[in-house]
Amino acid sequence: MVTSRWRSALALVAVAATLSGSGCSETLPLTQLPDVTKLPQKVLNKDEQQGKVNEMITKGQQHQTEAAKDIENGK
């Protein structure tokens, strides 16, 4: 029973050493995050927003149509 406690303690120490040695900051590239301090100069009103949404929907539908044609043509 004492040996299993020592093994558990050693395993915990090994995990802690691995985590502290590798560093979590290496896994999160913070330099690639967007710059949120630069805000757009103009905010779209409701009509402009709806126009942009409709434009994106149209582009998406065109993309799906073109993709279906490419699949049918065997590309």
PDB file of N, CA and C in Angstrom:
ATOM      1  N   MET A   1       0.824  -1.180   0.000  1.00  0.00           N
ATOM      2  CA  MET A   1       0.000   0.000   0.000  1.00  0.00           C
ATOM      3  C   MET A   1       0.870   1.246   0.000  1.00  0.00           C
ATOM      4  N   VAL A   2       1.940   1.212   0.745  1.00  0.00           N
ATOM      5  CA  VAL A   2       2.847   2.352   0.785  1.00  0.00           C
ATOM      6  C   VAL A   2       3.511   2.525  -0.581  1.00  0.00           C
ATOM      7  N   THR A   3       3.829   1.435  -1.243  1.00  0.00           N
ATOM      8  CA  THR A   3       4.489   1.512  -2.550  1.00  0.00           C
ATOM      9  C   THR A   3       3.560   2.144  -3.586  1.00  0.00           C
ATOM     10  N   SER A   4       2.287   1.822  -3.541  1.00  0.00           N
ATOM     11  CA  SER A   4       1.358   2.406  -4.507  1.00  0.00           C
ATOM     12  C   SER A   4       1.202   3.902  -4.271  1.00  0.00           C
ATOM     13  N   ARG A   5       1.273   4.331  -3.016  1.00  0.00           N
ATOM     14  CA  ARG A   5       1.205   5.769  -2.721  1.00  0.00           C
ATOM     15  C   ARG A   5       2.442   6.469  -3.262  1.00  0.00           C
ATOM     16  N   TRP A   6       3.606   5.823  -3.105  1.00  0.00           N
ATOM     17  CA  TRP A   6       4.837   6.423  -3.633  1.00  0.00           C
ATOM     18  C   TRP A   6       4.796   6.493  -5.156  1.00  0.00           C
ATOM     19  N   ARG A   7       4.290   5.456  -5.767  1.00  0.00           N
ATOM     20  CA  ARG A   7       4.174   5.468  -7.231  1.00  0.00           C
ATOM     21  C   ARG A   7       3.225   6.577  -7.691  1.00  0.00           C
ATOM     22  N   SER A   8       2.103   6.721  -7.004  1.00  0.00           N
ATOM     23  CA  SER A   8       1.164   7.782  -7.352  1.00  0.00           C
ATOM     24  C   SER A   8       1.793   9.153  -7.171  1.00  0.00           C
ATOM     25  N   ALA A   9       2.527   9.316  -6.075  1.00  0.00           N
ATOM     26  CA  ALA A   9       3.179  10.599  -5.816  1.00  0.00           C
ATOM     27  C   ALA A   9       4.240  10.880  -6.878  1.00  0.00           C
ATOM     28  N   LEU A  10       5.022   9.872  -7.255  1.00  0.00           N
ATOM     29  CA  LEU A  10       6.047  10.058  -8.273  1.00  0.00           C
ATOM     30  C   LEU A  10       5.421  10.357  -9.633  1.00  0.00           C
ATOM     31  N   ALA A  11       4.318   9.707  -9.930  1.00  0.00           N
ATOM     32  CA  ALA A  11       3.632   9.966 -11.195  1.00  0.00           C
ATOM     33  C   ALA A  11       3.104  11.393 -11.224  1.00  0.00           C
ATOM     34  N   LEU A  12       2.560  11.857 -10.117  1.00  0.00           N
ATOM     35  CA  LEU A  12       2.064  13.223 -10.025  1.00  0.00           C
ATOM     36  C   LEU A  12       3.195  14.230 -10.191  1.00  0.00           C
ATOM     37  N   VAL A  13       4.322  13.972  -9.569  1.00  0.00           N
ATOM     38  CA  VAL A  13       5.482  14.853  -9.707  1.00  0.00           C
ATOM     39  C   VAL A  13       5.973  14.852 -11.148  1.00  0.00           C
ATOM     40  N   ALA A  14       5.992  13.700 -11.791  1.00  0.00           N
ATOM     41  CA  ALA A  14       6.443  13.619 -13.181  1.00  0.00           C
ATOM     42  C   ALA A  14       5.513  14.405 -14.105  1.00  0.00           C
ATOM     43  N   VAL A  15       4.223  14.302 -13.899  1.00  0.00           N
ATOM     44  CA  VAL A  15       3.269  15.048 -14.714  1.00  0.00           C
ATOM     45  C   VAL A  15       3.426  16.545 -14.486  1.00  0.00           C
ATOM     46  N   ALA A  16       3.590  16.951 -13.238  1.00  0.00           N
ATOM     47  CA  ALA A  16       3.761  18.369 -12.925  1.00  0.00           C
ATOM     48  C   ALA A  16       5.051  18.906 -13.544  1.00  0.00           C
ATOM     49  N   ALA A  17       6.106  18.135 -13.505  1.00  0.00           N
ATOM     50  CA  ALA A  17       7.366  18.573 -14.093  1.00  0.00           C
ATOM     51  C   ALA A  17       7.259  18.686 -15.605  1.00  0.00           C
ATOM     52  N   THR A  18       6.545  17.767 -16.201  1.00  0.00           N
ATOM     53  CA  THR A  18       6.362  17.813 -17.654  1.00  0.00           C
ATOM     54  C   THR A  18       5.559  19.047 -18.058  1.00  0.00           C
ATOM     55  N   LEU A  19       4.497  19.335 -17.337  1.00  0.00           N
ATOM     56  CA  LEU A  19       3.665  20.489 -17.659  1.00  0.00           C
ATOM     57  C   LEU A  19       4.409  21.802 -17.437  1.00  0.00           C
ATOM     58  N   SER A  20       5.143  21.892 -16.352  1.00  0.00           N
ATOM     59  CA  SER A  20       5.849  23.146 -16.081  1.00  0.00           C
ATOM     60  C   SER A  20       7.065  23.304 -16.979  1.00  0.00           C
ATOM     61  N   GLY A  21       7.664  22.217 -17.394  1.00  0.00           N
ATOM     62  CA  GLY A  21       8.837  22.297 -18.257  1.00  0.00           C
ATOM     63  C   GLY A  21       8.498  22.635 -19.691  1.00  0.00           C
ATOM     64  N   SER A  22       7.368  22.115 -20.185  1.00  0.00           N
ATOM     65  CA  SER A  22       7.018  22.374 -21.578  1.00  0.00           C
ATOM     66  C   SER A  22       6.409  23.755 -21.752  1.00  0.00           C
ATOM     67  N   GLY A  23       5.700  24.226 -20.786  1.00  0.00           N
ATOM     68  CA  GLY A  23       5.117  25.560 -20.845  1.00  0.00           C
ATOM     69  C   GLY A  23       3.875  25.591 -21.708  1.00  0.00           C
ATOM     70  N   CYS A  24       2.809  26.078 -21.178  1.00  0.00           N
ATOM     71  CA  CYS A  24       1.552  26.139 -21.925  1.00  0.00           C
ATOM     72  C   CYS A  24       1.586  27.229 -22.995  1.00  0.00           C
ATOM     73  N   SER A  25       2.428  28.221 -22.804  1.00  0.00           N
ATOM     74  CA  SER A  25       2.453  29.323 -23.768  1.00  0.00           C
ATOM     75  C   SER A  25       2.968  28.868 -25.123  1.00  0.00           C
ATOM     76  N   GLU A  26       3.697  27.785 -25.163  1.00  0.00           N
ATOM     77  CA  GLU A  26       4.199  27.305 -26.446  1.00  0.00           C
ATOM     78  C   GLU A  26       3.092  26.707 -27.299  1.00  0.00           C
ATOM     79  N   THR A  27       2.038  26.253 -26.668  1.00  0.00           N
ATOM     80  CA  THR A  27       0.961  25.639 -27.421  1.00  0.00           C
ATOM     81  C   THR A  27      -0.042  26.668 -27.919  1.00  0.00           C
ATOM     82  N   LEU A  28      -0.031  27.881 -27.386  1.00  0.00           N
ATOM     83  CA  LEU A  28      -0.954  28.924 -27.802  1.00  0.00           C
ATOM     84  C   LEU A  28      -0.179  30.075 -28.427  1.00  0.00           C
ATOM     85  N   PRO A  29      -0.131  30.134 -29.743  1.00  0.00           N
ATOM     86  CA  PRO A  29       0.619  31.214 -30.393  1.00  0.00           C
ATOM     87  C   PRO A  29      -0.148  32.530 -30.295  1.00  0.00           C
ATOM     88  N   LEU A  30       0.159  33.316 -29.271  1.00  0.00           N
ATOM     89  CA  LEU A  30      -0.563  34.552 -29.034  1.00  0.00           C
ATOM     90  C   LEU A  30      -0.237  35.625 -30.063  1.00  0.00           C
ATOM     91  N   THR A  31       0.860  35.469 -30.779  1.00  0.00           N
ATOM     92  CA  THR A  31       1.215  36.471 -31.775  1.00  0.00           C
ATOM     93  C   THR A  31       0.296  36.425 -32.979  1.00  0.00           C
ATOM     94  N   GLN A  32      -0.471  35.356 -33.148  1.00  0.00           N
ATOM     95  CA  GLN A  32      -1.355  35.219 -34.299  1.00  0.00           C
ATOM     96  C   GLN A  32      -2.778  35.671 -34.007  1.00  0.00           C
ATOM     97  N   LEU A  33      -3.036  36.182 -32.821  1.00  0.00           N
ATOM     98  CA  LEU A  33      -4.375  36.641 -32.499  1.00  0.00           C
ATOM     99  C   LEU A  33      -4.645  37.967 -33.203  1.00  0.00           C
ATOM    100  N   PRO A  34      -5.884  38.225 -33.564  1.00  0.00           N
ATOM    101  CA  PRO A  34      -6.197  39.481 -34.256  1.00  0.00           C
ATOM    102  C   PRO A  34      -6.037  40.675 -33.331  1.00  0.00           C
ATOM    103  N   ASP A  35      -5.745  41.813 -33.918  1.00  0.00           N
ATOM    104  CA  ASP A  35      -5.599  43.046 -33.162  1.00  0.00           C
ATOM    105  C   ASP A  35      -6.976  43.646 -32.959  1.00  0.00           C
ATOM    106  N   VAL A  36      -7.487  43.563 -31.726  1.00  0.00           N
ATOM    107  CA  VAL A  36      -8.836  44.040 -31.454  1.00  0.00           C
ATOM    108  C   VAL A  36      -8.869  45.526 -31.140  1.00  0.00           C
ATOM    109  N   THR A  37      -7.730  46.177 -31.081  1.00  0.00           N
ATOM    110  CA  THR A  37      -7.720  47.603 -30.792  1.00  0.00           C
ATOM    111  C   THR A  37      -8.104  48.424 -32.001  1.00  0.00           C
ATOM    112  N   LYS A  38      -7.990  47.864 -33.202  1.00  0.00           N
ATOM    113  CA  LYS A  38      -8.349  48.581 -34.420  1.00  0.00           C
ATOM    114  C   LYS A  38      -9.797  48.263 -34.770  1.00  0.00           C
ATOM    115  N   LEU A  39     -10.662  49.185 -34.488  1.00  0.00           N
ATOM    116  CA  LEU A  39     -12.080  49.008 -34.778  1.00  0.00           C
ATOM    117  C   LEU A  39     -12.413  49.667 -36.109  1.00  0.00           C
ATOM    118  N   PRO A  40     -13.421  49.154 -36.800  1.00  0.00           N
ATOM    119  CA  PRO A  40     -13.795  49.783 -38.072  1.00  0.00           C
ATOM    120  C   PRO A  40     -14.289  51.211 -37.842  1.00  0.00           C
ATOM    121  N   GLN A  41     -14.041  52.065 -38.805  1.00  0.00           N
ATOM    122  CA  GLN A  41     -14.436  53.459 -38.689  1.00  0.00           C
ATOM    123  C   GLN A  41     -15.948  53.621 -38.835  1.00  0.00           C
ATOM    124  N   LYS A  42     -16.566  52.755 -39.634  1.00  0.00           N
ATOM    125  CA  LYS A  42     -17.991  52.879 -39.901  1.00  0.00           C
ATOM    126  C   LYS A  42     -18.703  51.589 -39.532  1.00  0.00           C
ATOM    127  N   VAL A  43     -19.827  51.720 -38.879  1.00  0.00           N
ATOM    128  CA  VAL A  43     -20.662  50.573 -38.544  1.00  0.00           C
ATOM    129  C   VAL A  43     -21.836  50.567 -39.521  1.00  0.00           C
ATOM    130  N   LEU A  44     -22.160  49.385 -40.036  1.00  0.00           N
ATOM    131  CA  LEU A  44     -23.248  49.276 -41.012  1.00  0.00           C
ATOM    132  C   LEU A  44     -24.599  49.450 -40.322  1.00  0.00           C
ATOM    133  N   ASN A  45     -25.508  50.124 -41.022  1.00  0.00           N
ATOM    134  CA  ASN A  45     -26.868  50.213 -40.489  1.00  0.00           C
ATOM    135  C   ASN A  45     -27.622  48.931 -40.845  1.00  0.00           C
ATOM    136  N   LYS A  46     -28.879  48.854 -40.429  1.00  0.00           N
ATOM    137  CA  LYS A  46     -29.649  47.612 -40.613  1.00  0.00           C
ATOM    138  C   LYS A  46     -29.783  47.233 -42.086  1.00  0.00           C
ATOM    139  N   ASP A  47     -30.052  48.205 -42.948  1.00  0.00           N
ATOM    140  CA  ASP A  47     -30.217  47.899 -44.369  1.00  0.00           C
ATOM    141  C   ASP A  47     -28.907  47.423 -44.988  1.00  0.00           C
ATOM    142  N   GLU A  48     -27.797  48.054 -44.621  1.00  0.00           N
ATOM    143  CA  GLU A  48     -26.490  47.655 -45.146  1.00  0.00           C
ATOM    144  C   GLU A  48     -26.109  46.265 -44.646  1.00  0.00           C
ATOM    145  N   GLN A  49     -26.436  45.995 -43.384  1.00  0.00           N
ATOM    146  CA  GLN A  49     -26.167  44.660 -42.833  1.00  0.00           C
ATOM    147  C   GLN A  49     -26.943  43.603 -43.602  1.00  0.00           C
ATOM    148  N   GLN A  50     -28.217  43.862 -43.839  1.00  0.00           N
ATOM    149  CA  GLN A  50     -29.046  42.893 -44.555  1.00  0.00           C
ATOM    150  C   GLN A  50     -28.537  42.702 -45.977  1.00  0.00           C
ATOM    151  N   GLY A  51     -28.082  43.775 -46.610  1.00  0.00           N
ATOM    152  CA  GLY A  51     -27.527  43.678 -47.956  1.00  0.00           C
ATOM    153  C   GLY A  51     -26.282  42.804 -47.989  1.00  0.00           C
ATOM    154  N   LYS A  52     -25.411  42.976 -47.000  1.00  0.00           N
ATOM    155  CA  LYS A  52     -24.197  42.152 -46.937  1.00  0.00           C
ATOM    156  C   LYS A  52     -24.533  40.692 -46.674  1.00  0.00           C
ATOM    157  N   VAL A  53     -25.505  40.448 -45.797  1.00  0.00           N
ATOM    158  CA  VAL A  53     -25.924  39.070 -45.513  1.00  0.00           C
ATOM    159  C   VAL A  53     -26.480  38.427 -46.781  1.00  0.00           C
ATOM    160  N   ASN A  54     -27.316  39.149 -47.494  1.00  0.00           N
ATOM    161  CA  ASN A  54     -27.876  38.619 -48.745  1.00  0.00           C
ATOM    162  C   ASN A  54     -26.776  38.344 -49.756  1.00  0.00           C
ATOM    163  N   GLU A  55     -25.781  39.232 -49.815  1.00  0.00           N
ATOM    164  CA  GLU A  55     -24.652  39.039 -50.735  1.00  0.00           C
ATOM    165  C   GLU A  55     -23.872  37.777 -50.393  1.00  0.00           C
ATOM    166  N   MET A  56     -23.651  37.559 -49.090  1.00  0.00           N
ATOM    167  CA  MET A  56     -22.931  36.348 -48.670  1.00  0.00           C
ATOM    168  C   MET A  56     -23.739  35.090 -48.968  1.00  0.00           C
ATOM    169  N   ILE A  57     -25.058  35.159 -48.787  1.00  0.00           N
ATOM    170  CA  ILE A  57     -25.924  34.007 -49.084  1.00  0.00           C
ATOM    171  C   ILE A  57     -25.852  33.681 -50.570  1.00  0.00           C
ATOM    172  N   THR A  58     -25.903  34.722 -51.409  1.00  0.00           N
ATOM    173  CA  THR A  58     -25.834  34.521 -52.858  1.00  0.00           C
ATOM    174  C   THR A  58     -24.510  33.894 -53.257  1.00  0.00           C
ATOM    175  N   LYS A  59     -23.416  34.394 -52.680  1.00  0.00           N
ATOM    176  CA  LYS A  59     -22.093  33.829 -52.986  1.00  0.00           C
ATOM    177  C   LYS A  59     -22.010  32.368 -52.553  1.00  0.00           C
ATOM    178  N   GLY A  60     -22.583  32.051 -51.396  1.00  0.00           N
ATOM    179  CA  GLY A  60     -22.581  30.669 -50.921  1.00  0.00           C
ATOM    180  C   GLY A  60     -23.361  29.750 -51.836  1.00  0.00           C
ATOM    181  N   GLN A  61     -24.505  30.225 -52.315  1.00  0.00           N
ATOM    182  CA  GLN A  61     -25.319  29.418 -53.229  1.00  0.00           C
ATOM    183  C   GLN A  61     -24.601  29.222 -54.560  1.00  0.00           C
ATOM    184  N   GLN A  62     -23.937  30.268 -55.052  1.00  0.00           N
ATOM    185  CA  GLN A  62     -23.181  30.143 -56.294  1.00  0.00           C
ATOM    186  C   GLN A  62     -22.037  29.143 -56.130  1.00  0.00           C
ATOM    187  N   HIS A  63     -21.389  29.197 -54.973  1.00  0.00           N
ATOM    188  CA  HIS A  63     -20.294  28.262 -54.708  1.00  0.00           C
ATOM    189  C   HIS A  63     -20.798  26.822 -54.689  1.00  0.00           C
ATOM    190  N   GLN A  64     -21.948  26.602 -54.062  1.00  0.00           N
ATOM    191  CA  GLN A  64     -22.518  25.251 -54.020  1.00  0.00           C
ATOM    192  C   GLN A  64     -22.893  24.775 -55.415  1.00  0.00           C
ATOM    193  N   THR A  65     -23.441  25.657 -56.232  1.00  0.00           N
ATOM    194  CA  THR A  65     -23.822  25.295 -57.600  1.00  0.00           C
ATOM    195  C   THR A  65     -22.590  24.930 -58.419  1.00  0.00           C
ATOM    196  N   GLU A  66     -21.530  25.753 -58.301  1.00  0.00           N
ATOM    197  CA  GLU A  66     -20.292  25.470 -59.029  1.00  0.00           C
ATOM    198  C   GLU A  66     -19.651  24.177 -58.553  1.00  0.00           C
ATOM    199  N   ALA A  67     -19.707  23.926 -57.252  1.00  0.00           N
ATOM    200  CA  ALA A  67     -19.129  22.692 -56.715  1.00  0.00           C
ATOM    201  C   ALA A  67     -19.899  21.479 -57.226  1.00  0.00           C
ATOM    202  N   ALA A  68     -21.220  21.579 -57.302  1.00  0.00           N
ATOM    203  CA  ALA A  68     -22.025  20.474 -57.805  1.00  0.00           C
ATOM    204  C   ALA A  68     -21.705  20.210 -59.274  1.00  0.00           C
ATOM    205  N   LYS A  69     -21.513  21.278 -60.049  1.00  0.00           N
ATOM    206  CA  LYS A  69     -21.157  21.107 -61.463  1.00  0.00           C
ATOM    207  C   LYS A  69     -19.786  20.450 -61.603  1.00  0.00           C
ATOM    208  N   ASP A  70     -18.830  20.874 -60.764  1.00  0.00           N
ATOM    209  CA  ASP A  70     -17.494  20.267 -60.805  1.00  0.00           C
ATOM    210  C   ASP A  70     -17.545  18.792 -60.452  1.00  0.00           C
ATOM    211  N   ILE A  71     -18.377  18.441 -59.485  1.00  0.00           N
ATOM    212  CA  ILE A  71     -18.506  17.029 -59.081  1.00  0.00           C
ATOM    213  C   ILE A  71     -19.121  16.226 -60.226  1.00  0.00           C
ATOM    214  N   GLU A  72     -20.129  16.783 -60.873  1.00  0.00           N
ATOM    215  CA  GLU A  72     -20.781  16.073 -61.977  1.00  0.00           C
ATOM    216  C   GLU A  72     -19.813  15.897 -63.155  1.00  0.00           C
ATOM    217  N   ASN A  73     -18.950  16.868 -63.375  1.00  0.00           N
ATOM    218  CA  ASN A  73     -17.988  16.780 -64.470  1.00  0.00           C
ATOM    219  C   ASN A  73     -16.785  15.901 -64.116  1.00  0.00           C
ATOM    220  N   GLY A  74     -16.724  15.452 -62.892  1.00  0.00           N
ATOM    221  CA  GLY A  74     -15.665  14.535 -62.486  1.00  0.00           C
ATOM    222  C   GLY A  74     -14.342  15.202 -62.131  1.00  0.00           C
ATOM    223  N   LYS A  75     -14.380  16.456 -61.736  1.00  0.00           N
ATOM    224  CA  LYS A  75     -13.143  17.155 -61.345  1.00  0.00           C
ATOM    225  C   LYS A  75     -12.729  16.789 -59.961  1.00  0.00           C
TER     226      LYS A  75
END
